[in-house]
C-alpha cells in the first residue's frame, strides 16, 4: 500500500495556477491552517479560485492568501471577518460570489454526489436570484443552484489512519465533510495518524477512498 502521508509542502505542490481550491472550516473551527500556510509560502500558484465558507479572519493564513493578489475568484457565504475579501469585491480586483450558507453547502454536496443541481426557495425575491433560473414545482418557485466542484480540497480532521479514513469531531465537520467528496484531489490535515484498522469503522466520518494525501500536524 502506497503511503498517503506527505509534508504540507509536498502535498500542496498539486495546486497549479488557475486551479480552484476548496478550504474547509468555519472561521478557525476545522480550518486547515498548515495547508493554507504552505500554499501561501511555498507555492507560486496564481489565478486561484477559493471556495470557502468565510475566507477566515486576520489571524488565519487564508486572509494573507486572499491579500496576496494570487486569488482572482472567491465563492463564499460570509466575508465580514475578512475585510480584504470585501475590498476585492468592491474594487473588482477579484470576482466574489456570495451564497446563503446552506446553499453553498448544498452546491458542494451536489458536486460531490454528481447531481445536476439543487432546487431551493432561499433567495427568492432578493439579489441572490439574479441571473439564476427559476423552476416552478407544485405552484411554488425554486432557484436552480448549480453544483460546485474544485480541483483540490484542503480539509481538517482530528485523526486519520494509513488508508485515509478520517475522524472529524463535532462542529469542525462543517464544510470539511462535503468538500472531501467534491474535489479531484483531497488533502487532509490531521492531528493524529494511526495504523490501518485502528479506527473503528463505526466512527469514520470520511472514508479513505476520498482522501489522496494526509498531512500530520499534531505531535
N, C-alpha and C. Protein backbone atom coordinates (compact mmCIF):
# COMPACT_ATOMS: atom_id res chain seq x y z
N UNK A 1 0.84 -1.19 0.00
CA UNK A 1 0.00 0.00 0.00
C UNK A 1 0.88 1.25 0.00
N UNK A 2 0.69 2.11 -0.99
CA UNK A 2 1.47 3.33 -1.07
C UNK A 2 1.02 4.30 0.02
N UNK A 3 1.99 4.87 0.72
CA UNK A 3 1.67 5.79 1.81
C UNK A 3 1.05 7.08 1.27
N UNK A 4 0.02 7.55 1.97
CA UNK A 4 -0.61 8.83 1.64
C UNK A 4 -0.01 9.97 2.45
N UNK A 5 0.92 9.66 3.34
CA UNK A 5 1.47 10.65 4.25
C UNK A 5 2.51 11.52 3.56
N UNK A 6 2.29 12.83 3.59
CA UNK A 6 3.21 13.80 2.98
C UNK A 6 3.40 14.96 3.93
N UNK A 7 4.43 15.77 3.67
CA UNK A 7 4.55 17.04 4.37
C UNK A 7 3.58 18.02 3.73
N UNK A 8 3.29 19.10 4.44
CA UNK A 8 2.39 20.11 3.89
C UNK A 8 2.95 20.68 2.59
N UNK A 9 4.25 20.92 2.57
CA UNK A 9 4.89 21.48 1.38
C UNK A 9 4.77 20.55 0.18
N UNK A 10 4.96 19.24 0.42
CA UNK A 10 4.84 18.27 -0.66
C UNK A 10 3.40 18.17 -1.16
N UNK A 11 2.46 18.18 -0.22
CA UNK A 11 1.05 17.98 -0.58
C UNK A 11 0.51 19.12 -1.44
N UNK A 12 0.88 20.36 -1.12
CA UNK A 12 0.28 21.49 -1.84
C UNK A 12 0.91 21.71 -3.22
N UNK A 13 1.94 20.93 -3.56
CA UNK A 13 2.53 21.04 -4.90
C UNK A 13 1.54 20.66 -5.99
N UNK A 14 0.48 19.95 -5.61
CA UNK A 14 -0.53 19.54 -6.58
C UNK A 14 -1.29 20.75 -7.12
N UNK A 15 -1.31 21.85 -6.37
CA UNK A 15 -2.05 23.05 -6.77
C UNK A 15 -1.25 23.81 -7.82
N UNK A 16 -1.88 24.08 -8.94
CA UNK A 16 -1.22 24.82 -10.01
C UNK A 16 -2.01 26.09 -10.34
N UNK A 17 -1.39 27.00 -11.04
CA UNK A 17 -2.05 28.25 -11.39
C UNK A 17 -3.35 27.99 -12.14
N UNK A 18 -4.39 28.74 -11.78
CA UNK A 18 -5.69 28.58 -12.41
C UNK A 18 -6.59 27.58 -11.72
N UNK A 19 -6.10 26.88 -10.70
CA UNK A 19 -6.90 25.87 -10.02
C UNK A 19 -7.94 26.49 -9.10
N UNK A 20 -8.98 25.69 -8.83
CA UNK A 20 -9.96 26.03 -7.79
C UNK A 20 -9.63 25.19 -6.57
N UNK A 21 -9.64 25.83 -5.40
CA UNK A 21 -9.25 25.18 -4.15
C UNK A 21 -10.35 25.38 -3.11
N UNK A 22 -10.90 24.28 -2.62
CA UNK A 22 -11.84 24.34 -1.51
C UNK A 22 -11.06 24.33 -0.20
N UNK A 23 -11.48 25.17 0.74
CA UNK A 23 -10.84 25.24 2.05
C UNK A 23 -11.90 25.04 3.11
N UNK A 24 -11.81 23.96 3.85
CA UNK A 24 -12.80 23.64 4.87
C UNK A 24 -12.70 24.56 6.07
N UNK A 25 -13.69 24.44 6.95
CA UNK A 25 -13.66 25.21 8.18
C UNK A 25 -14.77 26.23 8.27
N UNK A 26 -15.02 26.66 9.49
CA UNK A 26 -15.95 27.74 9.80
C UNK A 26 -15.18 28.68 10.69
N UNK A 27 -14.68 29.81 10.10
CA UNK A 27 -13.69 30.65 10.77
C UNK A 27 -12.52 29.74 11.17
N UNK A 28 -12.11 29.74 12.45
CA UNK A 28 -10.97 28.92 12.84
C UNK A 28 -11.36 27.48 13.14
N UNK A 29 -12.65 27.19 13.24
CA UNK A 29 -13.10 25.84 13.56
C UNK A 29 -12.98 24.90 12.39
N UNK A 30 -12.10 23.91 12.51
CA UNK A 30 -11.91 22.95 11.43
C UNK A 30 -11.19 23.51 10.23
N UNK A 31 -10.41 24.58 10.45
CA UNK A 31 -9.69 25.21 9.35
C UNK A 31 -8.32 24.57 9.16
N UNK A 32 -7.95 24.15 7.94
CA UNK A 32 -6.65 23.51 7.68
C UNK A 32 -5.53 24.55 7.55
N UNK A 33 -5.17 25.15 8.66
CA UNK A 33 -4.24 26.29 8.69
C UNK A 33 -2.88 25.95 8.09
N UNK A 34 -2.34 24.80 8.41
CA UNK A 34 -1.00 24.44 7.92
C UNK A 34 -0.97 24.28 6.41
N UNK A 35 -2.02 23.73 5.84
CA UNK A 35 -2.08 23.55 4.39
C UNK A 35 -2.17 24.89 3.67
N UNK A 36 -3.03 25.76 4.16
CA UNK A 36 -3.16 27.08 3.53
C UNK A 36 -1.86 27.86 3.67
N UNK A 37 -1.22 27.75 4.83
CA UNK A 37 0.05 28.44 5.04
C UNK A 37 1.13 27.92 4.09
N UNK A 38 1.13 26.61 3.86
CA UNK A 38 2.10 26.03 2.92
C UNK A 38 1.83 26.51 1.50
N UNK A 39 0.56 26.61 1.13
CA UNK A 39 0.23 27.11 -0.20
C UNK A 39 0.67 28.56 -0.35
N UNK A 40 0.48 29.33 0.71
CA UNK A 40 0.85 30.74 0.68
C UNK A 40 2.36 30.93 0.57
N UNK A 41 3.12 30.13 1.31
CA UNK A 41 4.55 30.39 1.46
C UNK A 41 5.49 29.51 0.64
N UNK A 42 4.99 28.40 0.11
CA UNK A 42 5.89 27.51 -0.63
C UNK A 42 5.43 27.25 -2.06
N UNK A 43 4.29 27.80 -2.46
CA UNK A 43 3.77 27.60 -3.82
C UNK A 43 3.73 28.93 -4.55
N UNK A 44 3.89 28.86 -5.86
CA UNK A 44 3.80 30.07 -6.68
C UNK A 44 2.51 30.11 -7.50
N UNK A 45 1.60 29.19 -7.23
CA UNK A 45 0.34 29.12 -7.99
C UNK A 45 -0.43 30.42 -7.87
N UNK A 46 -0.94 30.90 -9.00
CA UNK A 46 -1.67 32.16 -9.06
C UNK A 46 -3.03 31.96 -9.75
N UNK A 47 -3.78 33.03 -9.86
CA UNK A 47 -5.09 33.00 -10.53
C UNK A 47 -5.98 31.91 -9.94
N UNK A 48 -5.98 31.83 -8.63
CA UNK A 48 -6.70 30.78 -7.93
C UNK A 48 -8.15 31.17 -7.67
N UNK A 49 -9.01 30.17 -7.66
CA UNK A 49 -10.38 30.31 -7.18
C UNK A 49 -10.45 29.66 -5.81
N UNK A 50 -10.89 30.42 -4.81
CA UNK A 50 -11.01 29.89 -3.45
C UNK A 50 -12.49 29.70 -3.14
N UNK A 51 -12.82 28.51 -2.66
CA UNK A 51 -14.18 28.18 -2.24
C UNK A 51 -14.12 27.92 -0.75
N UNK A 52 -14.68 28.83 0.03
CA UNK A 52 -14.56 28.77 1.49
C UNK A 52 -15.78 29.41 2.11
N UNK A 53 -16.24 28.88 3.22
CA UNK A 53 -17.40 29.46 3.86
C UNK A 53 -17.22 30.94 4.15
N UNK A 54 -16.03 31.34 4.65
CA UNK A 54 -15.90 32.71 5.16
C UNK A 54 -14.57 33.39 4.85
N UNK A 55 -13.65 32.76 4.21
CA UNK A 55 -12.30 33.27 3.91
C UNK A 55 -11.56 33.74 5.15
N UNK A 56 -11.94 33.26 6.32
CA UNK A 56 -11.14 33.42 7.52
C UNK A 56 -11.15 34.80 8.16
N UNK A 57 -10.22 34.96 9.10
CA UNK A 57 -10.02 36.21 9.83
C UNK A 57 -8.56 36.62 9.67
N UNK A 58 -8.22 37.79 10.20
CA UNK A 58 -6.85 38.29 10.07
C UNK A 58 -5.82 37.36 10.73
N UNK A 59 -6.27 36.53 11.65
CA UNK A 59 -5.35 35.62 12.34
C UNK A 59 -5.04 34.37 11.54
N UNK A 60 -5.76 34.12 10.45
CA UNK A 60 -5.59 32.90 9.68
C UNK A 60 -4.87 33.17 8.37
N UNK A 61 -4.14 32.16 7.89
CA UNK A 61 -3.33 32.34 6.68
C UNK A 61 -4.18 32.54 5.43
N UNK A 62 -5.44 32.12 5.44
CA UNK A 62 -6.28 32.32 4.26
C UNK A 62 -6.50 33.82 4.03
N UNK A 63 -6.48 34.61 5.10
CA UNK A 63 -6.57 36.06 4.95
C UNK A 63 -5.40 36.58 4.13
N UNK A 64 -4.20 36.11 4.48
CA UNK A 64 -3.00 36.54 3.76
C UNK A 64 -2.99 36.02 2.32
N UNK A 65 -3.54 34.83 2.11
CA UNK A 65 -3.62 34.29 0.75
C UNK A 65 -4.51 35.17 -0.12
N UNK A 66 -5.67 35.54 0.42
CA UNK A 66 -6.57 36.42 -0.32
C UNK A 66 -5.90 37.77 -0.59
N UNK A 67 -5.14 38.25 0.38
CA UNK A 67 -4.49 39.56 0.27
C UNK A 67 -3.29 39.53 -0.67
N UNK A 68 -2.77 38.35 -0.97
CA UNK A 68 -1.52 38.22 -1.73
C UNK A 68 -1.65 38.60 -3.20
N UNK A 69 -2.85 38.73 -3.71
CA UNK A 69 -3.05 39.03 -5.12
C UNK A 69 -3.04 37.79 -6.00
N UNK A 70 -2.98 36.62 -5.40
CA UNK A 70 -2.94 35.37 -6.16
C UNK A 70 -4.31 34.73 -6.33
N UNK A 71 -5.34 35.37 -5.77
CA UNK A 71 -6.70 34.84 -5.85
C UNK A 71 -7.53 35.79 -6.71
N UNK A 72 -8.15 35.26 -7.77
CA UNK A 72 -8.96 36.14 -8.63
C UNK A 72 -10.45 35.80 -8.62
N UNK A 73 -10.82 34.77 -7.85
CA UNK A 73 -12.24 34.46 -7.74
C UNK A 73 -12.50 33.79 -6.39
N UNK A 74 -13.62 34.16 -5.77
CA UNK A 74 -13.95 33.63 -4.45
C UNK A 74 -15.44 33.27 -4.42
N UNK A 75 -15.73 32.06 -3.94
CA UNK A 75 -17.10 31.64 -3.63
C UNK A 75 -17.17 31.52 -2.11
N UNK A 76 -18.09 32.23 -1.48
CA UNK A 76 -18.15 32.22 -0.02
C UNK A 76 -19.57 32.48 0.44
N UNK A 77 -19.74 32.41 1.76
CA UNK A 77 -21.03 32.70 2.37
C UNK A 77 -20.96 33.96 3.24
N UNK A 78 -19.88 34.06 4.02
CA UNK A 78 -19.74 35.19 4.94
C UNK A 78 -18.33 35.74 4.81
N UNK A 79 -18.21 37.04 4.56
CA UNK A 79 -16.89 37.64 4.40
C UNK A 79 -16.66 38.82 5.34
N UNK A 80 -17.56 39.00 6.30
CA UNK A 80 -17.46 40.13 7.21
C UNK A 80 -16.23 40.10 8.09
N UNK A 81 -15.66 38.93 8.33
CA UNK A 81 -14.47 38.81 9.17
C UNK A 81 -13.17 38.98 8.38
N UNK A 82 -13.30 39.10 7.07
CA UNK A 82 -12.12 39.29 6.21
C UNK A 82 -12.32 40.55 5.36
N UNK A 83 -11.91 41.71 5.87
CA UNK A 83 -12.14 42.95 5.13
C UNK A 83 -11.43 42.98 3.79
N UNK A 84 -10.39 42.18 3.63
CA UNK A 84 -9.67 42.15 2.36
C UNK A 84 -10.56 41.56 1.26
N UNK A 85 -11.34 40.54 1.59
CA UNK A 85 -12.27 39.98 0.61
C UNK A 85 -13.30 41.03 0.20
N UNK A 86 -13.79 41.76 1.17
CA UNK A 86 -14.74 42.82 0.86
C UNK A 86 -14.13 43.90 -0.03
N UNK A 87 -12.88 44.24 0.22
CA UNK A 87 -12.20 45.25 -0.60
C UNK A 87 -12.06 44.76 -2.03
N UNK A 88 -11.66 43.51 -2.20
CA UNK A 88 -11.51 42.94 -3.54
C UNK A 88 -12.85 42.92 -4.28
N UNK A 89 -13.90 42.64 -3.54
CA UNK A 89 -15.24 42.60 -4.14
C UNK A 89 -15.65 44.00 -4.61
N UNK A 90 -15.43 44.99 -3.77
CA UNK A 90 -15.84 46.36 -4.11
C UNK A 90 -14.99 46.96 -5.22
N UNK A 91 -13.71 46.62 -5.24
CA UNK A 91 -12.80 47.19 -6.25
C UNK A 91 -12.87 46.45 -7.58
N UNK A 92 -13.40 45.23 -7.55
CA UNK A 92 -13.45 44.42 -8.76
C UNK A 92 -12.15 43.72 -9.07
N UNK A 93 -11.19 43.75 -8.14
CA UNK A 93 -9.92 43.08 -8.36
C UNK A 93 -10.08 41.56 -8.37
N UNK A 94 -11.12 41.08 -7.73
CA UNK A 94 -11.45 39.65 -7.75
C UNK A 94 -12.96 39.51 -7.87
N UNK A 95 -13.38 38.44 -8.50
CA UNK A 95 -14.81 38.13 -8.61
C UNK A 95 -15.23 37.41 -7.34
N UNK A 96 -16.10 38.03 -6.56
CA UNK A 96 -16.55 37.45 -5.31
C UNK A 96 -18.03 37.16 -5.43
N UNK A 97 -18.39 35.89 -5.28
CA UNK A 97 -19.79 35.50 -5.37
C UNK A 97 -20.23 34.93 -4.03
N UNK A 98 -21.28 35.51 -3.46
CA UNK A 98 -21.77 35.11 -2.15
C UNK A 98 -23.05 34.29 -2.27
N UNK A 99 -23.18 33.31 -1.38
CA UNK A 99 -24.36 32.44 -1.33
C UNK A 99 -24.81 32.31 0.11
N UNK A 100 -26.12 32.10 0.34
CA UNK A 100 -26.55 31.71 1.69
C UNK A 100 -25.77 30.46 2.11
N UNK A 101 -25.46 30.38 3.39
CA UNK A 101 -24.55 29.32 3.86
C UNK A 101 -25.04 27.91 3.52
N UNK A 102 -26.32 27.66 3.75
CA UNK A 102 -26.85 26.34 3.43
C UNK A 102 -26.82 26.05 1.94
N UNK A 103 -27.04 27.10 1.14
CA UNK A 103 -27.00 26.93 -0.32
C UNK A 103 -25.59 26.58 -0.77
N UNK A 104 -24.58 27.24 -0.20
CA UNK A 104 -23.20 26.93 -0.56
C UNK A 104 -22.87 25.48 -0.22
N UNK A 105 -23.29 25.03 0.95
CA UNK A 105 -23.04 23.65 1.35
C UNK A 105 -23.74 22.67 0.41
N UNK A 106 -24.97 22.99 0.01
CA UNK A 106 -25.71 22.10 -0.89
C UNK A 106 -25.12 22.07 -2.29
N UNK A 107 -24.59 23.20 -2.76
CA UNK A 107 -23.94 23.23 -4.07
C UNK A 107 -22.72 22.31 -4.07
N UNK A 108 -21.97 22.34 -2.98
CA UNK A 108 -20.80 21.47 -2.87
C UNK A 108 -21.22 20.01 -2.75
N UNK A 109 -22.26 19.76 -1.95
CA UNK A 109 -22.75 18.38 -1.81
C UNK A 109 -23.22 17.85 -3.15
N UNK A 110 -23.91 18.68 -3.92
CA UNK A 110 -24.38 18.27 -5.23
C UNK A 110 -23.22 17.95 -6.16
N UNK A 111 -22.16 18.76 -6.07
CA UNK A 111 -20.98 18.47 -6.87
C UNK A 111 -20.36 17.14 -6.53
N UNK A 112 -20.28 16.84 -5.24
CA UNK A 112 -19.71 15.57 -4.81
C UNK A 112 -20.57 14.38 -5.13
N UNK A 113 -21.88 14.59 -5.16
CA UNK A 113 -22.82 13.48 -5.41
C UNK A 113 -23.11 13.27 -6.88
N UNK A 114 -22.57 14.14 -7.72
CA UNK A 114 -22.81 14.01 -9.15
C UNK A 114 -24.19 14.45 -9.59
N UNK A 115 -24.82 15.32 -8.81
CA UNK A 115 -26.16 15.81 -9.15
C UNK A 115 -26.07 16.97 -10.14
N UNK A 116 -27.16 17.21 -10.84
CA UNK A 116 -27.18 18.28 -11.82
C UNK A 116 -27.43 19.64 -11.23
N UNK A 117 -27.75 19.69 -9.93
CA UNK A 117 -28.03 20.94 -9.24
C UNK A 117 -29.00 20.69 -8.11
N UNK A 118 -29.34 21.75 -7.39
CA UNK A 118 -30.31 21.65 -6.30
C UNK A 118 -31.33 22.76 -6.45
N UNK A 119 -32.54 22.48 -6.00
CA UNK A 119 -33.62 23.47 -6.03
C UNK A 119 -33.87 23.98 -4.62
N UNK A 120 -33.89 25.31 -4.46
CA UNK A 120 -34.10 25.89 -3.15
C UNK A 120 -34.93 27.16 -3.27
N UNK A 121 -35.81 27.42 -2.30
CA UNK A 121 -36.55 28.68 -2.30
C UNK A 121 -35.75 29.82 -1.66
N UNK A 122 -34.60 29.50 -1.06
CA UNK A 122 -33.81 30.52 -0.36
C UNK A 122 -33.24 31.52 -1.37
N UNK A 123 -33.53 32.77 -1.15
CA UNK A 123 -33.01 33.82 -2.03
C UNK A 123 -34.02 34.38 -3.00
N UNK A 124 -35.18 33.75 -3.09
CA UNK A 124 -36.21 34.28 -3.99
C UNK A 124 -36.61 35.70 -3.57
N UNK A 125 -36.71 36.56 -4.56
CA UNK A 125 -37.10 37.93 -4.27
C UNK A 125 -35.98 38.80 -3.73
N UNK A 126 -34.74 38.29 -3.77
CA UNK A 126 -33.58 39.05 -3.30
C UNK A 126 -32.53 39.08 -4.41
N UNK A 127 -31.40 39.74 -4.13
CA UNK A 127 -30.32 39.79 -5.11
C UNK A 127 -29.74 38.42 -5.39
N UNK A 128 -30.00 37.47 -4.49
CA UNK A 128 -29.47 36.11 -4.67
C UNK A 128 -30.00 35.47 -5.95
N UNK A 129 -31.21 35.85 -6.36
CA UNK A 129 -31.82 35.19 -7.52
C UNK A 129 -31.33 35.74 -8.86
N UNK A 130 -30.56 36.82 -8.84
CA UNK A 130 -30.14 37.45 -10.09
C UNK A 130 -29.32 36.50 -10.96
N UNK A 131 -29.77 36.36 -12.21
CA UNK A 131 -29.06 35.52 -13.17
C UNK A 131 -29.30 34.04 -13.01
N UNK A 132 -30.20 33.64 -12.12
CA UNK A 132 -30.44 32.22 -11.88
C UNK A 132 -31.80 31.80 -12.44
N UNK A 133 -31.86 30.56 -12.85
CA UNK A 133 -33.09 30.01 -13.42
C UNK A 133 -34.09 29.69 -12.32
N UNK A 134 -35.35 30.04 -12.53
CA UNK A 134 -36.42 29.69 -11.62
C UNK A 134 -37.21 28.52 -12.19
N UNK A 135 -37.54 27.60 -11.32
CA UNK A 135 -38.32 26.43 -11.73
C UNK A 135 -39.53 26.32 -10.81
N UNK A 136 -40.71 26.15 -11.41
CA UNK A 136 -41.95 26.03 -10.63
C UNK A 136 -42.31 24.57 -10.46
N UNK A 137 -42.51 24.16 -9.22
CA UNK A 137 -42.93 22.79 -8.90
C UNK A 137 -44.07 22.89 -7.88
N UNK A 138 -45.21 22.30 -8.22
CA UNK A 138 -46.34 22.33 -7.30
C UNK A 138 -46.77 23.73 -6.94
N UNK A 139 -46.80 24.61 -7.94
CA UNK A 139 -47.20 26.01 -7.74
C UNK A 139 -46.28 26.79 -6.81
N UNK A 140 -45.05 26.31 -6.66
CA UNK A 140 -44.07 27.01 -5.83
C UNK A 140 -42.79 27.18 -6.63
N UNK A 141 -42.19 28.37 -6.55
CA UNK A 141 -40.97 28.65 -7.29
C UNK A 141 -39.72 28.28 -6.49
N UNK A 142 -38.72 27.83 -7.23
CA UNK A 142 -37.42 27.49 -6.64
C UNK A 142 -36.32 28.07 -7.52
N UNK A 143 -35.18 28.34 -6.92
CA UNK A 143 -33.99 28.71 -7.68
C UNK A 143 -33.19 27.45 -7.96
N UNK A 144 -32.68 27.35 -9.19
CA UNK A 144 -31.79 26.25 -9.53
C UNK A 144 -30.37 26.68 -9.21
N UNK A 145 -29.75 26.01 -8.25
CA UNK A 145 -28.35 26.26 -7.89
C UNK A 145 -27.49 25.15 -8.48
N UNK A 146 -26.49 25.53 -9.23
CA UNK A 146 -25.66 24.57 -9.92
C UNK A 146 -24.63 23.93 -8.97
N UNK A 147 -24.20 22.70 -9.26
CA UNK A 147 -23.21 22.04 -8.40
C UNK A 147 -21.87 22.76 -8.44
N UNK A 148 -21.11 22.58 -7.38
CA UNK A 148 -19.81 23.24 -7.25
C UNK A 148 -18.74 22.20 -6.93
N UNK A 149 -17.70 22.16 -7.75
CA UNK A 149 -16.58 21.24 -7.52
C UNK A 149 -15.27 22.02 -7.57
N UNK A 150 -14.18 21.35 -7.25
CA UNK A 150 -12.87 22.01 -7.24
C UNK A 150 -11.80 21.05 -7.71
N UNK A 151 -10.67 21.60 -8.09
CA UNK A 151 -9.52 20.76 -8.44
C UNK A 151 -8.92 20.12 -7.19
N UNK A 152 -8.82 20.91 -6.12
CA UNK A 152 -8.18 20.46 -4.89
C UNK A 152 -9.01 20.91 -3.70
N UNK A 153 -9.04 20.08 -2.65
CA UNK A 153 -9.69 20.47 -1.39
C UNK A 153 -8.70 20.31 -0.25
N UNK A 154 -8.65 21.32 0.61
CA UNK A 154 -7.90 21.25 1.88
C UNK A 154 -8.94 21.06 2.98
N UNK A 155 -8.83 19.97 3.73
CA UNK A 155 -9.77 19.75 4.82
C UNK A 155 -9.00 19.44 6.11
N UNK A 156 -9.71 19.53 7.23
CA UNK A 156 -9.10 19.31 8.54
C UNK A 156 -9.82 18.19 9.27
N UNK A 157 -9.04 17.29 9.89
CA UNK A 157 -9.61 16.20 10.69
C UNK A 157 -8.79 16.01 11.95
N UNK A 158 -9.38 15.35 12.92
CA UNK A 158 -8.65 15.09 14.16
C UNK A 158 -7.77 13.84 14.05
N UNK A 159 -8.23 12.84 13.29
CA UNK A 159 -7.48 11.59 13.22
C UNK A 159 -7.62 10.97 11.84
N UNK A 160 -6.54 10.35 11.37
CA UNK A 160 -6.56 9.60 10.11
C UNK A 160 -5.82 8.30 10.30
N UNK A 161 -6.22 7.26 9.58
CA UNK A 161 -5.39 6.06 9.53
C UNK A 161 -4.64 6.03 8.21
N UNK A 162 -3.83 5.00 8.02
CA UNK A 162 -2.95 4.93 6.84
C UNK A 162 -3.71 4.94 5.52
N UNK A 163 -4.95 4.45 5.53
CA UNK A 163 -5.72 4.40 4.29
C UNK A 163 -6.48 5.69 4.02
N UNK A 164 -6.45 6.63 4.98
CA UNK A 164 -7.14 7.90 4.79
C UNK A 164 -8.49 8.02 5.46
N UNK A 165 -8.94 6.97 6.15
CA UNK A 165 -10.18 7.09 6.90
C UNK A 165 -10.03 8.19 7.95
N UNK A 166 -11.02 9.06 8.06
CA UNK A 166 -10.92 10.22 8.94
C UNK A 166 -11.97 10.22 10.04
N UNK A 167 -11.56 10.76 11.18
CA UNK A 167 -12.50 11.13 12.23
C UNK A 167 -12.45 12.65 12.34
N UNK A 168 -13.61 13.28 12.15
CA UNK A 168 -13.73 14.73 12.31
C UNK A 168 -14.74 14.96 13.42
N UNK A 169 -14.31 15.64 14.46
CA UNK A 169 -15.13 15.77 15.65
C UNK A 169 -16.05 16.98 15.64
N UNK A 170 -17.25 16.79 16.15
CA UNK A 170 -18.16 17.87 16.45
C UNK A 170 -18.41 18.85 15.33
N UNK A 171 -18.45 20.13 15.70
CA UNK A 171 -18.79 21.17 14.74
C UNK A 171 -17.70 21.42 13.71
N UNK A 172 -16.50 20.88 13.94
CA UNK A 172 -15.44 21.04 12.94
C UNK A 172 -15.72 20.23 11.68
N UNK A 173 -16.76 19.42 11.70
CA UNK A 173 -17.16 18.72 10.48
C UNK A 173 -17.63 19.72 9.41
N UNK A 174 -18.31 20.76 9.84
CA UNK A 174 -18.85 21.82 8.99
C UNK A 174 -18.71 21.54 7.49
N UNK A 175 -17.86 22.32 6.80
CA UNK A 175 -17.71 22.15 5.35
C UNK A 175 -16.70 21.06 4.98
N UNK A 176 -15.98 20.55 5.97
CA UNK A 176 -14.94 19.57 5.66
C UNK A 176 -15.48 18.28 5.07
N UNK A 177 -16.63 17.85 5.54
CA UNK A 177 -17.18 16.57 5.07
C UNK A 177 -17.64 16.66 3.62
N UNK A 178 -18.40 17.69 3.28
CA UNK A 178 -18.89 17.78 1.90
C UNK A 178 -17.75 18.10 0.92
N UNK A 179 -16.78 18.89 1.36
CA UNK A 179 -15.67 19.22 0.47
C UNK A 179 -14.81 18.00 0.15
N UNK A 180 -14.77 17.03 1.06
CA UNK A 180 -13.99 15.82 0.82
C UNK A 180 -14.50 15.03 -0.37
N UNK A 181 -15.76 15.23 -0.72
CA UNK A 181 -16.36 14.47 -1.83
C UNK A 181 -16.34 15.22 -3.15
N UNK A 182 -16.01 16.53 -3.11
CA UNK A 182 -16.29 17.39 -4.26
C UNK A 182 -15.05 17.95 -4.93
N UNK A 183 -13.91 17.31 -4.76
CA UNK A 183 -12.68 17.77 -5.40
C UNK A 183 -11.96 16.60 -6.05
N UNK A 184 -11.19 16.91 -7.08
CA UNK A 184 -10.44 15.87 -7.77
C UNK A 184 -9.31 15.30 -6.90
N UNK A 185 -8.76 16.16 -6.03
CA UNK A 185 -7.64 15.74 -5.16
C UNK A 185 -7.88 16.34 -3.79
N UNK A 186 -7.91 15.49 -2.76
CA UNK A 186 -8.25 15.93 -1.42
C UNK A 186 -7.08 15.69 -0.47
N UNK A 187 -6.69 16.76 0.24
CA UNK A 187 -5.60 16.69 1.22
C UNK A 187 -6.20 16.90 2.60
N UNK A 188 -5.94 15.98 3.51
CA UNK A 188 -6.45 16.07 4.87
C UNK A 188 -5.32 16.44 5.83
N UNK A 189 -5.48 17.54 6.53
CA UNK A 189 -4.57 17.92 7.61
C UNK A 189 -5.10 17.30 8.90
N UNK A 190 -4.27 16.54 9.60
CA UNK A 190 -4.75 15.79 10.77
C UNK A 190 -3.84 15.99 11.97
N UNK A 191 -4.43 15.85 13.15
CA UNK A 191 -3.67 15.96 14.39
C UNK A 191 -3.05 14.62 14.80
N UNK A 192 -3.69 13.53 14.42
CA UNK A 192 -3.23 12.20 14.84
C UNK A 192 -3.27 11.24 13.66
N UNK A 193 -2.25 10.39 13.58
CA UNK A 193 -2.12 9.45 12.47
C UNK A 193 -1.87 8.07 13.04
N UNK A 194 -2.71 7.08 12.66
CA UNK A 194 -2.61 5.74 13.24
C UNK A 194 -2.55 4.69 12.14
N UNK A 195 -2.25 3.47 12.54
CA UNK A 195 -2.18 2.35 11.60
C UNK A 195 -3.57 2.00 11.06
N UNK A 196 -3.58 1.37 9.89
CA UNK A 196 -4.84 0.90 9.33
C UNK A 196 -5.49 -0.09 10.28
N UNK A 197 -6.78 0.04 10.48
CA UNK A 197 -7.51 -0.85 11.37
C UNK A 197 -7.66 -0.34 12.78
N UNK A 198 -6.98 0.76 13.12
CA UNK A 198 -7.05 1.29 14.48
C UNK A 198 -8.23 2.24 14.68
N UNK A 199 -8.92 2.58 13.61
CA UNK A 199 -10.14 3.39 13.73
C UNK A 199 -11.34 2.49 13.57
N UNK A 200 -12.22 2.51 14.56
CA UNK A 200 -13.46 1.75 14.48
C UNK A 200 -14.27 2.25 13.29
N UNK A 201 -14.64 1.36 12.36
CA UNK A 201 -15.42 1.80 11.19
C UNK A 201 -16.69 2.57 11.54
N UNK A 202 -17.25 2.30 12.72
CA UNK A 202 -18.47 3.00 13.14
C UNK A 202 -18.23 4.48 13.41
N UNK A 203 -16.97 4.87 13.58
CA UNK A 203 -16.67 6.26 13.90
C UNK A 203 -16.02 7.01 12.75
N UNK A 204 -15.93 6.39 11.58
CA UNK A 204 -15.33 7.05 10.43
C UNK A 204 -16.28 8.13 9.91
N UNK A 205 -15.78 9.35 9.81
CA UNK A 205 -16.57 10.47 9.29
C UNK A 205 -16.45 10.57 7.78
N UNK A 206 -15.23 10.42 7.26
CA UNK A 206 -14.97 10.45 5.82
C UNK A 206 -14.19 9.20 5.45
N UNK A 207 -14.69 8.36 4.56
CA UNK A 207 -13.97 7.16 4.16
C UNK A 207 -12.68 7.50 3.40
N UNK A 208 -11.68 6.66 3.56
CA UNK A 208 -10.38 6.90 2.96
C UNK A 208 -10.37 6.95 1.45
N UNK A 209 -11.39 6.40 0.80
CA UNK A 209 -11.44 6.40 -0.66
C UNK A 209 -11.45 7.83 -1.21
N UNK A 210 -11.90 8.80 -0.41
CA UNK A 210 -11.96 10.19 -0.86
C UNK A 210 -10.64 10.94 -0.66
N UNK A 211 -9.73 10.38 0.12
CA UNK A 211 -8.55 11.12 0.55
C UNK A 211 -7.32 10.69 -0.25
N UNK A 212 -6.66 11.68 -0.86
CA UNK A 212 -5.47 11.40 -1.67
C UNK A 212 -4.18 11.53 -0.90
N UNK A 213 -4.11 12.48 0.02
CA UNK A 213 -2.90 12.61 0.83
C UNK A 213 -3.24 13.13 2.22
N UNK A 214 -2.33 12.84 3.16
CA UNK A 214 -2.53 13.16 4.57
C UNK A 214 -1.32 13.95 5.05
N UNK A 215 -1.58 15.01 5.78
CA UNK A 215 -0.51 15.81 6.38
C UNK A 215 -0.72 15.83 7.88
N UNK A 216 0.22 15.25 8.61
CA UNK A 216 0.12 15.19 10.06
C UNK A 216 0.74 16.45 10.66
N UNK A 217 -0.02 17.15 11.49
CA UNK A 217 0.49 18.38 12.09
C UNK A 217 0.54 18.30 13.61
N UNK A 218 -0.14 17.36 14.22
CA UNK A 218 -0.11 17.22 15.67
C UNK A 218 1.17 16.54 16.13
N UNK A 219 1.42 16.59 17.44
CA UNK A 219 2.59 15.93 17.99
C UNK A 219 2.41 14.43 18.01
